[in-house]
PDB file of N, CA and C in Angstrom:
ATOM      1  N   UNK A   1       2.098  -1.109 -19.170  1.00  0.00           N
ATOM      2  CA  UNK A   1       1.586  -0.065 -18.284  1.00  0.00           C
ATOM      3  C   UNK A   1       1.020  -0.679 -17.086  1.00  0.00           C
ATOM      4  N   UNK A   2       1.350  -0.210 -15.935  1.00  0.00           N
ATOM      5  CA  UNK A   2       0.838  -0.773 -14.670  1.00  0.00           C
ATOM      6  C   UNK A   2      -0.033   0.225 -13.901  1.00  0.00           C
ATOM      7  N   UNK A   3      -1.044  -0.229 -13.295  1.00  0.00           N
ATOM      8  CA  UNK A   3      -1.890   0.660 -12.515  1.00  0.00           C
ATOM      9  C   UNK A   3      -1.216   0.843 -11.146  1.00  0.00           C
ATOM     10  N   UNK A   4      -1.246   2.062 -10.640  1.00  0.00           N
ATOM     11  CA  UNK A   4      -0.744   2.401  -9.351  1.00  0.00           C
ATOM     12  C   UNK A   4      -1.580   1.697  -8.235  1.00  0.00           C
ATOM     13  N   UNK A   5      -0.958   1.154  -7.216  1.00  0.00           N
ATOM     14  CA  UNK A   5      -1.683   0.405  -6.195  1.00  0.00           C
ATOM     15  C   UNK A   5      -2.606   1.262  -5.455  1.00  0.00           C
ATOM     16  N   UNK A   6      -2.417   2.583  -5.437  1.00  0.00           N
ATOM     17  CA  UNK A   6      -3.317   3.487  -4.702  1.00  0.00           C
ATOM     18  C   UNK A   6      -4.378   4.112  -5.583  1.00  0.00           C
ATOM     19  N   UNK A   7      -4.421   3.693  -6.800  1.00  0.00           N
ATOM     20  CA  UNK A   7      -5.393   4.320  -7.732  1.00  0.00           C
ATOM     21  C   UNK A   7      -6.791   3.802  -7.511  1.00  0.00           C
ATOM     22  N   UNK A   8      -7.746   4.529  -8.092  1.00  0.00           N
ATOM     23  CA  UNK A   8      -9.169   4.134  -7.987  1.00  0.00           C
ATOM     24  C   UNK A   8      -9.405   2.760  -8.662  1.00  0.00           C
ATOM     25  N   UNK A   9      -8.743   2.588  -9.787  1.00  0.00           N
ATOM     26  CA  UNK A   9      -8.904   1.308 -10.516  1.00  0.00           C
ATOM     27  C   UNK A   9      -8.431   0.137  -9.686  1.00  0.00           C
ATOM     28  N   UNK A  10      -7.413   0.288  -8.922  1.00  0.00           N
ATOM     29  CA  UNK A  10      -6.880  -0.820  -8.040  1.00  0.00           C
ATOM     30  C   UNK A  10      -7.949  -1.155  -6.956  1.00  0.00           C
ATOM     31  N   UNK A  11      -8.725  -0.133  -6.624  1.00  0.00           N
ATOM     32  CA  UNK A  11      -9.769  -0.424  -5.527  1.00  0.00           C
ATOM     33  C   UNK A  11     -11.066  -0.965  -6.220  1.00  0.00           C
ATOM     34  N   UNK A  12     -11.342  -0.638  -7.428  1.00  0.00           N
ATOM     35  CA  UNK A  12     -12.578  -0.907  -8.115  1.00  0.00           C
ATOM     36  C   UNK A  12     -12.626  -2.265  -8.783  1.00  0.00           C
ATOM     37  N   UNK A  13     -11.496  -2.561  -9.504  1.00  0.00           N
ATOM     38  CA  UNK A  13     -11.500  -3.793 -10.358  1.00  0.00           C
ATOM     39  C   UNK A  13     -10.618  -4.882  -9.677  1.00  0.00           C
ATOM     40  N   UNK A  14     -11.099  -6.083  -9.709  1.00  0.00           N
ATOM     41  CA  UNK A  14     -10.444  -7.209  -9.185  1.00  0.00           C
ATOM     42  C   UNK A  14     -10.836  -8.502  -9.833  1.00  0.00           C
ATOM     43  N   UNK A  15     -10.087  -9.522  -9.590  1.00  0.00           N
ATOM     44  CA  UNK A  15     -10.373 -10.821 -10.127  1.00  0.00           C
ATOM     45  C   UNK A  15     -11.104 -11.615  -9.075  1.00  0.00           C
ATOM     46  N   UNK A  16     -12.006 -12.454  -9.550  1.00  0.00           N
ATOM     47  CA  UNK A  16     -12.803 -13.325  -8.664  1.00  0.00           C
ATOM     48  C   UNK A  16     -12.699 -14.765  -9.063  1.00  0.00           C
ATOM     49  N   UNK A  17     -12.924 -15.669  -8.128  1.00  0.00           N
ATOM     50  CA  UNK A  17     -13.105 -17.077  -8.454  1.00  0.00           C
ATOM     51  C   UNK A  17     -14.570 -17.351  -8.382  1.00  0.00           C
ATOM     52  N   UNK A  18     -15.135 -17.598  -9.582  1.00  0.00           N
ATOM     53  CA  UNK A  18     -16.594 -17.814  -9.658  1.00  0.00           C
ATOM     54  C   UNK A  18     -16.809 -19.214 -10.098  1.00  0.00           C
ATOM     55  N   UNK A  19     -17.712 -19.885  -9.310  1.00  0.00           N
ATOM     56  CA  UNK A  19     -18.010 -21.354  -9.658  1.00  0.00           C
ATOM     57  C   UNK A  19     -19.575 -21.485  -9.633  1.00  0.00           C
ATOM     58  N   UNK A  20     -20.013 -22.566 -10.290  1.00  0.00           N
ATOM     59  CA  UNK A  20     -21.424 -22.842 -10.267  1.00  0.00           C
ATOM     60  C   UNK A  20     -21.908 -23.176  -8.891  1.00  0.00           C
ATOM     61  N   UNK A  21     -23.160 -22.798  -8.629  1.00  0.00           N
ATOM     62  CA  UNK A  21     -23.758 -23.174  -7.284  1.00  0.00           C
ATOM     63  C   UNK A  21     -23.671 -24.700  -7.167  1.00  0.00           C
ATOM     64  N   UNK A  22     -23.246 -25.157  -6.032  1.00  0.00           N
ATOM     65  CA  UNK A  22     -23.101 -26.533  -5.800  1.00  0.00           C
ATOM     66  C   UNK A  22     -21.729 -27.068  -6.007  1.00  0.00           C
ATOM     67  N   UNK A  23     -20.840 -26.306  -6.700  1.00  0.00           N
ATOM     68  CA  UNK A  23     -19.505 -26.738  -6.991  1.00  0.00           C
ATOM     69  C   UNK A  23     -18.511 -26.115  -5.952  1.00  0.00           C
ATOM     70  N   UNK A  24     -18.957 -25.232  -5.108  1.00  0.00           N
ATOM     71  CA  UNK A  24     -18.111 -24.529  -4.232  1.00  0.00           C
ATOM     72  C   UNK A  24     -17.279 -25.376  -3.212  1.00  0.00           C
ATOM     73  N   UNK A  25     -17.780 -26.590  -3.037  1.00  0.00           N
ATOM     74  CA  UNK A  25     -17.044 -27.549  -2.090  1.00  0.00           C
ATOM     75  C   UNK A  25     -16.267 -28.616  -2.756  1.00  0.00           C
ATOM     76  N   UNK A  26     -16.200 -28.563  -4.088  1.00  0.00           N
ATOM     77  CA  UNK A  26     -15.326 -29.529  -4.800  1.00  0.00           C
ATOM     78  C   UNK A  26     -13.852 -29.340  -4.368  1.00  0.00           C
ATOM     79  N   UNK A  27     -13.178 -30.466  -4.212  1.00  0.00           N
ATOM     80  CA  UNK A  27     -11.751 -30.389  -3.766  1.00  0.00           C
ATOM     81  C   UNK A  27     -10.926 -29.456  -4.665  1.00  0.00           C
ATOM     82  N   UNK A  28     -11.058 -29.511  -5.916  1.00  0.00           N
ATOM     83  CA  UNK A  28     -10.262 -28.666  -6.795  1.00  0.00           C
ATOM     84  C   UNK A  28     -10.516 -27.171  -6.627  1.00  0.00           C
ATOM     85  N   UNK A  29     -11.785 -26.853  -6.397  1.00  0.00           N
ATOM     86  CA  UNK A  29     -12.116 -25.432  -6.168  1.00  0.00           C
ATOM     87  C   UNK A  29     -11.590 -25.020  -4.789  1.00  0.00           C
ATOM     88  N   UNK A  30     -11.728 -25.823  -3.851  1.00  0.00           N
ATOM     89  CA  UNK A  30     -11.193 -25.485  -2.504  1.00  0.00           C
ATOM     90  C   UNK A  30      -9.668 -25.306  -2.523  1.00  0.00           C
ATOM     91  N   UNK A  31      -8.987 -26.207  -3.284  1.00  0.00           N
ATOM     92  CA  UNK A  31      -7.517 -26.026  -3.434  1.00  0.00           C
ATOM     93  C   UNK A  31      -7.141 -24.767  -4.196  1.00  0.00           C
ATOM     94  N   UNK A  32      -7.854 -24.480  -5.228  1.00  0.00           N
ATOM     95  CA  UNK A  32      -7.586 -23.186  -5.971  1.00  0.00           C
ATOM     96  C   UNK A  32      -7.743 -21.995  -5.117  1.00  0.00           C
ATOM     97  N   UNK A  33      -8.862 -21.949  -4.361  1.00  0.00           N
ATOM     98  CA  UNK A  33      -9.126 -20.822  -3.456  1.00  0.00           C
ATOM     99  C   UNK A  33      -8.005 -20.716  -2.394  1.00  0.00           C
ATOM    100  N   UNK A  34      -7.603 -21.859  -1.865  1.00  0.00           N
ATOM    101  CA  UNK A  34      -6.551 -21.829  -0.822  1.00  0.00           C
ATOM    102  C   UNK A  34      -5.237 -21.339  -1.387  1.00  0.00           C
ATOM    103  N   UNK A  35      -4.878 -21.774  -2.572  1.00  0.00           N
ATOM    104  CA  UNK A  35      -3.621 -21.409  -3.190  1.00  0.00           C
ATOM    105  C   UNK A  35      -3.629 -19.921  -3.575  1.00  0.00           C
ATOM    106  N   UNK A  36      -4.771 -19.435  -4.122  1.00  0.00           N
ATOM    107  CA  UNK A  36      -4.847 -18.026  -4.623  1.00  0.00           C
ATOM    108  C   UNK A  36      -4.892 -17.051  -3.413  1.00  0.00           C
ATOM    109  N   UNK A  37      -5.223 -17.582  -2.178  1.00  0.00           N
ATOM    110  CA  UNK A  37      -5.282 -16.659  -1.014  1.00  0.00           C
ATOM    111  C   UNK A  37      -4.131 -16.984  -0.076  1.00  0.00           C
ATOM    112  N   UNK A  38      -3.081 -17.582  -0.569  1.00  0.00           N
ATOM    113  CA  UNK A  38      -1.936 -17.997   0.301  1.00  0.00           C
ATOM    114  C   UNK A  38      -1.010 -16.840   0.440  1.00  0.00           C
ATOM    115  N   UNK A  39      -0.245 -16.806   1.474  1.00  0.00           N
ATOM    116  CA  UNK A  39       0.816 -15.713   1.687  1.00  0.00           C
ATOM    117  C   UNK A  39       1.803 -15.642   0.450  1.00  0.00           C
ATOM    118  N   UNK A  40       2.072 -16.804  -0.157  1.00  0.00           N
ATOM    119  CA  UNK A  40       3.068 -16.797  -1.290  1.00  0.00           C
ATOM    120  C   UNK A  40       2.497 -16.006  -2.496  1.00  0.00           C
ATOM    121  N   UNK A  41       1.245 -16.130  -2.742  1.00  0.00           N
ATOM    122  CA  UNK A  41       0.601 -15.349  -3.783  1.00  0.00           C
ATOM    123  C   UNK A  41       0.447 -13.914  -3.347  1.00  0.00           C
ATOM    124  N   UNK A  42       0.043 -13.636  -2.188  1.00  0.00           N
ATOM    125  CA  UNK A  42      -0.135 -12.235  -1.652  1.00  0.00           C
ATOM    126  C   UNK A  42       1.175 -11.457  -1.723  1.00  0.00           C
ATOM    127  N   UNK A  43       2.254 -12.158  -1.415  1.00  0.00           N
ATOM    128  CA  UNK A  43       3.504 -11.492  -1.351  1.00  0.00           C
ATOM    129  C   UNK A  43       4.355 -11.466  -2.644  1.00  0.00           C
ATOM    130  N   UNK A  44       3.796 -12.006  -3.718  1.00  0.00           N
ATOM    131  CA  UNK A  44       4.469 -12.114  -5.041  1.00  0.00           C
ATOM    132  C   UNK A  44       4.831 -10.712  -5.495  1.00  0.00           C
ATOM    133  N   UNK A  45       6.057 -10.481  -5.811  1.00  0.00           N
ATOM    134  CA  UNK A  45       6.522  -9.175  -6.319  1.00  0.00           C
ATOM    135  C   UNK A  45       6.864  -9.176  -7.751  1.00  0.00           C
ATOM    136  N   UNK A  46       6.504 -10.195  -8.452  1.00  0.00           N
ATOM    137  CA  UNK A  46       6.821 -10.341  -9.881  1.00  0.00           C
ATOM    138  C   UNK A  46       6.356  -9.110 -10.756  1.00  0.00           C
ATOM    139  N   UNK A  47       5.190  -8.553 -10.415  1.00  0.00           N
ATOM    140  CA  UNK A  47       4.620  -7.501 -11.292  1.00  0.00           C
ATOM    141  C   UNK A  47       4.806  -6.144 -10.732  1.00  0.00           C
ATOM    142  N   UNK A  48       5.744  -5.942  -9.718  1.00  0.00           N
ATOM    143  CA  UNK A  48       6.092  -4.689  -9.241  1.00  0.00           C
ATOM    144  C   UNK A  48       4.973  -3.756  -8.907  1.00  0.00           C
ATOM    145  N   UNK A  49       3.971  -4.308  -8.168  1.00  0.00           N
ATOM    146  CA  UNK A  49       2.835  -3.500  -7.754  1.00  0.00           C
ATOM    147  C   UNK A  49       1.715  -3.399  -8.683  1.00  0.00           C
ATOM    148  N   UNK A  50       1.860  -3.966  -9.862  1.00  0.00           N
ATOM    149  CA  UNK A  50       0.778  -3.923 -10.892  1.00  0.00           C
ATOM    150  C   UNK A  50      -0.391  -4.838 -10.496  1.00  0.00           C
ATOM    151  N   UNK A  51      -0.104  -5.887  -9.694  1.00  0.00           N
ATOM    152  CA  UNK A  51      -1.135  -6.801  -9.271  1.00  0.00           C
ATOM    153  C   UNK A  51      -1.187  -6.591  -7.735  1.00  0.00           C
ATOM    154  N   UNK A  52      -2.375  -6.193  -7.205  1.00  0.00           N
ATOM    155  CA  UNK A  52      -2.540  -5.851  -5.827  1.00  0.00           C
ATOM    156  C   UNK A  52      -3.534  -6.862  -5.200  1.00  0.00           C
ATOM    157  N   UNK A  53      -3.076  -7.650  -4.249  1.00  0.00           N
ATOM    158  CA  UNK A  53      -4.074  -8.569  -3.615  1.00  0.00           C
ATOM    159  C   UNK A  53      -5.103  -7.783  -2.794  1.00  0.00           C
ATOM    160  N   UNK A  54      -6.309  -8.205  -2.839  1.00  0.00           N
ATOM    161  CA  UNK A  54      -7.414  -7.515  -2.026  1.00  0.00           C
ATOM    162  C   UNK A  54      -7.930  -8.482  -0.929  1.00  0.00           C
ATOM    163  N   UNK A  55      -7.285  -9.520  -0.661  1.00  0.00           N
ATOM    164  CA  UNK A  55      -7.790 -10.463   0.390  1.00  0.00           C
ATOM    165  C   UNK A  55      -6.990 -10.253   1.628  1.00  0.00           C
TER     166      UNK A  55
END
């Protein structure tokens, strides 16, 4: 079952990248953030609208 992209749940619930204070500048964290916010991830159509980028 997929959530509609225009639903309240799509607006309210999201995934975050959370790290310990002081780790935000680690190279691996920076790379993960860069990859997760890339156009390739944003434009991914694998889940047919069930996953909606919010960035």
